N, C-alpha and C. Protein backbone atom coordinates (compact mmCIF):
# COMPACT_ATOMS: atom_id res chain seq x y z
N UNK A 1 115.73 109.16 103.45
CA UNK A 1 115.60 108.48 104.57
C UNK A 1 114.53 107.76 104.81
N UNK A 2 114.73 106.49 105.71
CA UNK A 2 113.56 105.38 105.65
C UNK A 2 112.22 105.55 105.92
N UNK A 3 111.34 105.49 105.51
CA UNK A 3 109.57 105.48 106.46
C UNK A 3 109.42 104.16 107.27
N UNK A 4 108.89 105.22 107.88
CA UNK A 4 108.31 104.09 109.26
C UNK A 4 107.05 103.54 108.50
N UNK A 5 107.54 102.27 109.23
CA UNK A 5 106.18 101.40 109.08
C UNK A 5 104.60 101.76 109.84
N UNK A 6 103.70 101.88 109.30
CA UNK A 6 102.77 102.30 110.04
C UNK A 6 101.64 100.96 109.73
N UNK A 7 100.89 100.75 110.83
CA UNK A 7 99.97 99.19 110.62
C UNK A 7 98.52 100.47 111.03
N UNK A 8 97.30 99.64 110.59
CA UNK A 8 95.45 100.59 111.23
C UNK A 8 95.81 99.50 112.00
N UNK A 9 95.02 100.11 112.96
CA UNK A 9 94.56 99.55 114.06
C UNK A 9 93.20 100.24 114.86
N UNK A 10 92.29 99.53 115.22
CA UNK A 10 90.94 99.89 115.76
C UNK A 10 91.05 99.97 117.64
N UNK A 11 91.12 101.32 117.80
CA UNK A 11 90.54 101.27 119.53
C UNK A 11 89.79 101.96 120.08
N UNK A 12 89.68 100.74 120.74
CA UNK A 12 87.67 100.97 121.37
C UNK A 12 88.51 101.07 123.10
N UNK A 13 87.17 101.72 123.69
CA UNK A 13 87.66 101.90 124.82
C UNK A 13 86.06 101.71 125.62
N UNK A 14 85.84 100.81 126.47
CA UNK A 14 85.19 101.47 127.99
C UNK A 14 85.52 102.57 129.07
N UNK A 15 85.22 103.42 129.79
CA UNK A 15 85.72 104.02 130.76
C UNK A 15 84.18 104.26 131.08
N UNK A 16 84.66 103.35 132.82
CA UNK A 16 83.59 104.34 133.73
C UNK A 16 82.85 105.63 134.04
N UNK A 17 84.64 106.70 133.94
CA UNK A 17 83.96 107.28 134.86
C UNK A 17 84.79 108.77 133.91
N UNK A 18 84.10 109.58 133.86
CA UNK A 18 83.72 110.77 133.13
C UNK A 18 85.06 111.46 132.72
N UNK A 19 85.74 111.92 133.80
CA UNK A 19 87.34 112.05 133.89
C UNK A 19 88.13 111.46 132.99
N UNK A 20 88.42 109.82 133.77
CA UNK A 20 89.69 108.99 132.86
C UNK A 20 88.67 109.50 131.60
N UNK A 21 87.47 108.95 131.41
CA UNK A 21 86.95 109.10 129.71
C UNK A 21 87.25 109.82 128.71
N UNK A 22 86.81 110.84 129.25
CA UNK A 22 87.93 112.34 128.60
C UNK A 22 89.08 112.86 128.62
N UNK A 23 90.39 112.00 129.42
CA UNK A 23 91.81 111.88 129.27
C UNK A 23 91.76 110.40 128.06
N UNK A 24 90.68 109.89 128.05
CA UNK A 24 91.38 108.25 127.11
C UNK A 24 90.73 109.11 126.01
N UNK A 25 90.11 110.25 125.53
CA UNK A 25 89.81 110.74 124.37
C UNK A 25 90.69 111.45 124.04
N UNK A 26 91.60 111.99 125.12
CA UNK A 26 92.21 112.89 124.33
C UNK A 26 93.30 112.38 123.75
N UNK A 27 94.21 111.26 124.52
CA UNK A 27 95.31 110.35 124.33
C UNK A 27 94.68 109.56 122.94
N UNK A 28 94.01 108.70 122.74
CA UNK A 28 93.21 108.39 121.47
C UNK A 28 93.20 109.30 120.39
N UNK A 29 92.95 110.89 120.63
CA UNK A 29 92.93 112.17 119.61
C UNK A 29 94.33 112.31 118.37
N UNK A 30 95.02 111.83 119.82
CA UNK A 30 96.84 112.06 119.26
C UNK A 30 96.55 111.49 118.04
N UNK A 31 96.15 109.98 118.10
CA UNK A 31 96.48 109.87 117.12
C UNK A 31 95.32 108.80 116.38
N UNK A 32 94.45 108.83 116.37
CA UNK A 32 93.14 109.25 115.59
C UNK A 32 93.41 109.48 114.48
N UNK A 33 92.76 108.91 112.54
CA UNK A 33 92.09 109.19 112.03
C UNK A 33 91.16 109.54 111.64
N UNK A 34 89.82 109.19 112.59
CA UNK A 34 88.98 108.93 112.15
C UNK A 34 88.16 108.14 113.17
N UNK A 35 87.45 108.38 113.44
CA UNK A 35 85.98 107.86 114.41
C UNK A 35 85.13 108.54 114.96
N UNK A 36 84.45 107.90 116.52
CA UNK A 36 83.63 108.45 116.95
C UNK A 36 83.25 107.77 118.37
N UNK A 37 83.02 108.57 119.33
CA UNK A 37 82.35 108.23 120.39
C UNK A 37 83.93 107.22 121.08
N UNK A 38 84.03 106.17 121.37
CA UNK A 38 85.11 105.73 122.13
C UNK A 38 85.73 104.75 121.28
N UNK A 39 85.72 104.33 119.86
CA UNK A 39 86.23 104.18 119.03
C UNK A 39 86.88 104.30 117.81
N UNK A 40 88.07 104.51 117.12
CA UNK A 40 88.89 105.39 116.97
C UNK A 40 89.88 104.21 115.26
N UNK A 41 89.72 104.59 114.87
CA UNK A 41 91.10 104.16 113.99
C UNK A 41 92.02 105.16 113.54
N UNK A 42 94.05 104.14 114.46
CA UNK A 42 94.60 104.88 113.90
C UNK A 42 95.51 104.13 113.08
N UNK A 43 96.80 104.46 112.59
CA UNK A 43 97.64 104.05 112.29
C UNK A 43 98.83 104.37 112.70
N UNK A 44 99.31 103.41 113.64
CA UNK A 44 100.30 102.87 114.40
C UNK A 44 101.71 102.33 114.04
N UNK A 45 102.80 103.60 113.97
CA UNK A 45 103.55 102.41 113.84
C UNK A 45 104.17 101.87 115.29
N UNK A 46 105.32 100.30 115.54
CA UNK A 46 105.74 99.65 116.57
C UNK A 46 105.90 100.48 117.85
N UNK A 47 106.63 101.72 117.55
CA UNK A 47 106.88 102.45 119.31
C UNK A 47 105.34 103.42 118.87
N UNK A 48 104.99 104.06 118.41
CA UNK A 48 103.18 104.93 119.00
C UNK A 48 102.78 103.70 119.25
N UNK A 49 102.76 102.40 119.03
CA UNK A 49 101.82 101.78 119.73
C UNK A 49 101.91 101.42 120.86
N UNK A 50 103.44 101.20 121.29
CA UNK A 50 104.11 101.06 122.51
C UNK A 50 103.56 102.31 123.74
N UNK A 51 103.63 103.75 122.78
CA UNK A 51 103.57 104.43 123.48
C UNK A 51 101.91 105.12 123.15
N UNK A 52 100.93 104.28 123.00
CA UNK A 52 99.39 104.51 122.84
C UNK A 52 99.33 103.79 124.40
N UNK A 53 99.90 102.75 124.55
CA UNK A 53 99.66 101.65 125.55
C UNK A 53 99.64 102.32 126.70
N UNK A 54 101.06 102.85 126.90
CA UNK A 54 101.72 103.53 128.18
C UNK A 54 100.27 104.23 127.99
N UNK A 55 100.17 105.39 127.35
CA UNK A 55 99.48 106.21 127.86
C UNK A 55 98.64 105.77 128.49
N UNK A 56 97.76 105.38 127.88
CA UNK A 56 96.25 104.64 127.82
C UNK A 56 96.11 103.94 129.27
N UNK A 57 97.38 103.27 129.44
CA UNK A 57 97.87 102.17 131.10
C UNK A 57 97.94 103.61 132.32
N UNK A 58 97.93 104.96 132.12
CA UNK A 58 99.00 105.73 133.06
C UNK A 58 97.00 106.23 133.19
N UNK A 59 96.46 106.52 131.45
CA UNK A 59 95.05 107.34 131.90
C UNK A 59 93.78 106.61 133.43
N UNK A 60 93.73 105.00 132.73
CA UNK A 60 92.60 103.91 132.80
C UNK A 60 92.79 103.33 133.89
N UNK A 61 91.52 103.48 134.37
CA UNK A 61 91.75 102.02 135.58
C UNK A 61 92.10 100.44 135.56
N UNK A 62 92.63 99.97 135.74
CA UNK A 62 92.67 98.44 134.93
C UNK A 62 92.05 97.71 135.60
N UNK A 63 91.65 97.76 136.65
CA UNK A 63 90.27 97.06 137.46
C UNK A 63 88.64 97.93 136.97
N UNK A 64 88.78 98.54 136.82
CA UNK A 64 87.30 99.40 136.51
C UNK A 64 87.05 99.30 134.57
N UNK A 65 88.48 99.85 133.86
CA UNK A 65 88.04 100.58 132.63
C UNK A 65 88.72 99.09 131.27
N UNK A 66 88.25 99.30 130.52
CA UNK A 66 88.65 98.34 129.15
C UNK A 66 89.16 99.63 128.17
N UNK A 67 90.67 98.20 127.16
CA UNK A 67 91.07 99.51 126.51
C UNK A 67 91.02 98.22 125.39
N UNK A 68 90.62 98.40 123.99
CA UNK A 68 91.10 97.10 123.72
C UNK A 68 91.85 97.57 122.11
N UNK A 69 93.14 96.78 121.43
CA UNK A 69 93.91 97.10 119.83
C UNK A 69 93.49 96.52 119.43
N UNK A 70 93.08 96.82 118.16
CA UNK A 70 93.05 95.06 117.37
C UNK A 70 93.39 95.94 116.11
N UNK A 71 94.29 95.35 115.54
CA UNK A 71 95.08 96.16 114.18
C UNK A 71 94.37 94.98 113.25
N UNK A 72 94.08 95.76 112.07
CA UNK A 72 93.02 95.63 111.30
C UNK A 72 93.97 94.76 109.69
N UNK A 73 93.50 94.41 109.33
CA UNK A 73 94.00 93.63 107.78
C UNK A 73 93.95 94.64 106.07
N UNK A 74 95.40 95.54 106.04
CA UNK A 74 94.65 96.12 105.13
C UNK A 74 94.45 95.70 103.70
N UNK A 75 94.39 94.90 103.68
CA UNK A 75 93.82 93.61 102.51
C UNK A 75 92.32 93.78 102.18
N UNK A 76 91.75 94.08 103.29
CA UNK A 76 90.61 93.79 103.80
C UNK A 76 89.61 95.25 103.33
N UNK A 77 88.86 95.39 102.51
CA UNK A 77 87.73 97.05 101.98
C UNK A 77 86.88 97.02 103.46
N UNK A 78 86.64 98.22 104.00
CA UNK A 78 85.78 98.36 105.05
C UNK A 78 84.45 98.70 104.17
N UNK A 79 83.72 98.20 104.97
CA UNK A 79 82.26 98.26 105.11
C UNK A 79 81.86 99.32 105.67
N UNK A 80 81.20 100.61 104.83
CA UNK A 80 80.76 101.35 105.63
C UNK A 80 79.56 101.98 105.41
N UNK A 81 78.59 102.31 106.86
CA UNK A 81 77.24 102.72 106.42
C UNK A 81 77.07 103.92 106.23
N UNK A 82 75.57 104.29 106.17
CA UNK A 82 75.71 105.48 106.67
C UNK A 82 76.59 106.99 105.55
N UNK A 83 76.95 107.91 106.31
CA UNK A 83 77.97 109.09 105.94
C UNK A 83 79.41 108.73 106.69
N UNK A 84 79.38 107.22 107.13
CA UNK A 84 81.41 106.45 107.26
C UNK A 84 81.98 107.57 105.90
N UNK A 85 83.18 107.31 106.50
CA UNK A 85 84.08 107.89 105.12
C UNK A 85 85.34 106.96 105.71
N UNK A 86 86.01 106.69 104.50
CA UNK A 86 87.03 105.63 105.03
C UNK A 86 88.08 105.44 105.70
N UNK A 87 89.44 104.88 106.72
CA UNK A 87 90.22 105.45 107.19
C UNK A 87 91.74 106.30 106.28
N UNK A 88 92.27 107.17 106.31
CA UNK A 88 93.41 107.08 106.08
C UNK A 88 94.43 107.00 105.94
N UNK A 89 95.33 106.71 105.17
CA UNK A 89 97.04 106.10 105.42
C UNK A 89 97.43 107.13 106.45
N UNK A 90 97.75 106.70 107.88
CA UNK A 90 98.42 107.78 107.99
C UNK A 90 99.85 107.78 107.90
N UNK A 91 100.74 107.59 106.72
CA UNK A 91 101.74 107.77 106.09
C UNK A 91 102.66 109.37 106.43
N UNK A 92 101.54 110.21 106.10
CA UNK A 92 101.80 111.55 106.17
C UNK A 92 101.12 112.36 107.08
N UNK A 93 101.07 113.16 108.05
CA UNK A 93 100.90 114.01 109.20
C UNK A 93 100.94 115.66 108.56
N UNK A 94 100.39 116.25 108.43
CA UNK A 94 101.06 118.10 108.71
C UNK A 94 100.54 118.48 109.88
N UNK A 95 101.65 119.29 110.77
CA UNK A 95 101.27 119.78 111.87
C UNK A 95 100.83 121.15 111.81
N UNK A 96 99.62 121.79 111.98
CA UNK A 96 100.06 123.10 112.03
C UNK A 96 100.23 124.61 113.10
């Protein structure tokens, strides 16, 4: 079985409507391995990236809201402050 390649991204959004904000959070949490408020760390394959982008397009108002997806360099060590937890490799997920 071939392993699906995933890349680490930072997903962030700024949503002007509370209803759309709740929906965007729901979508982001499907893929998130960490994060808070409107910024999430996500491990995505190519197809998951497309799915996330399509889902956000359905939820957000492109004239009023913003969505940002930045691919991070896995060679770079994260800089953490406070009680931050480093991103976890999303190669394996447990579904309960």
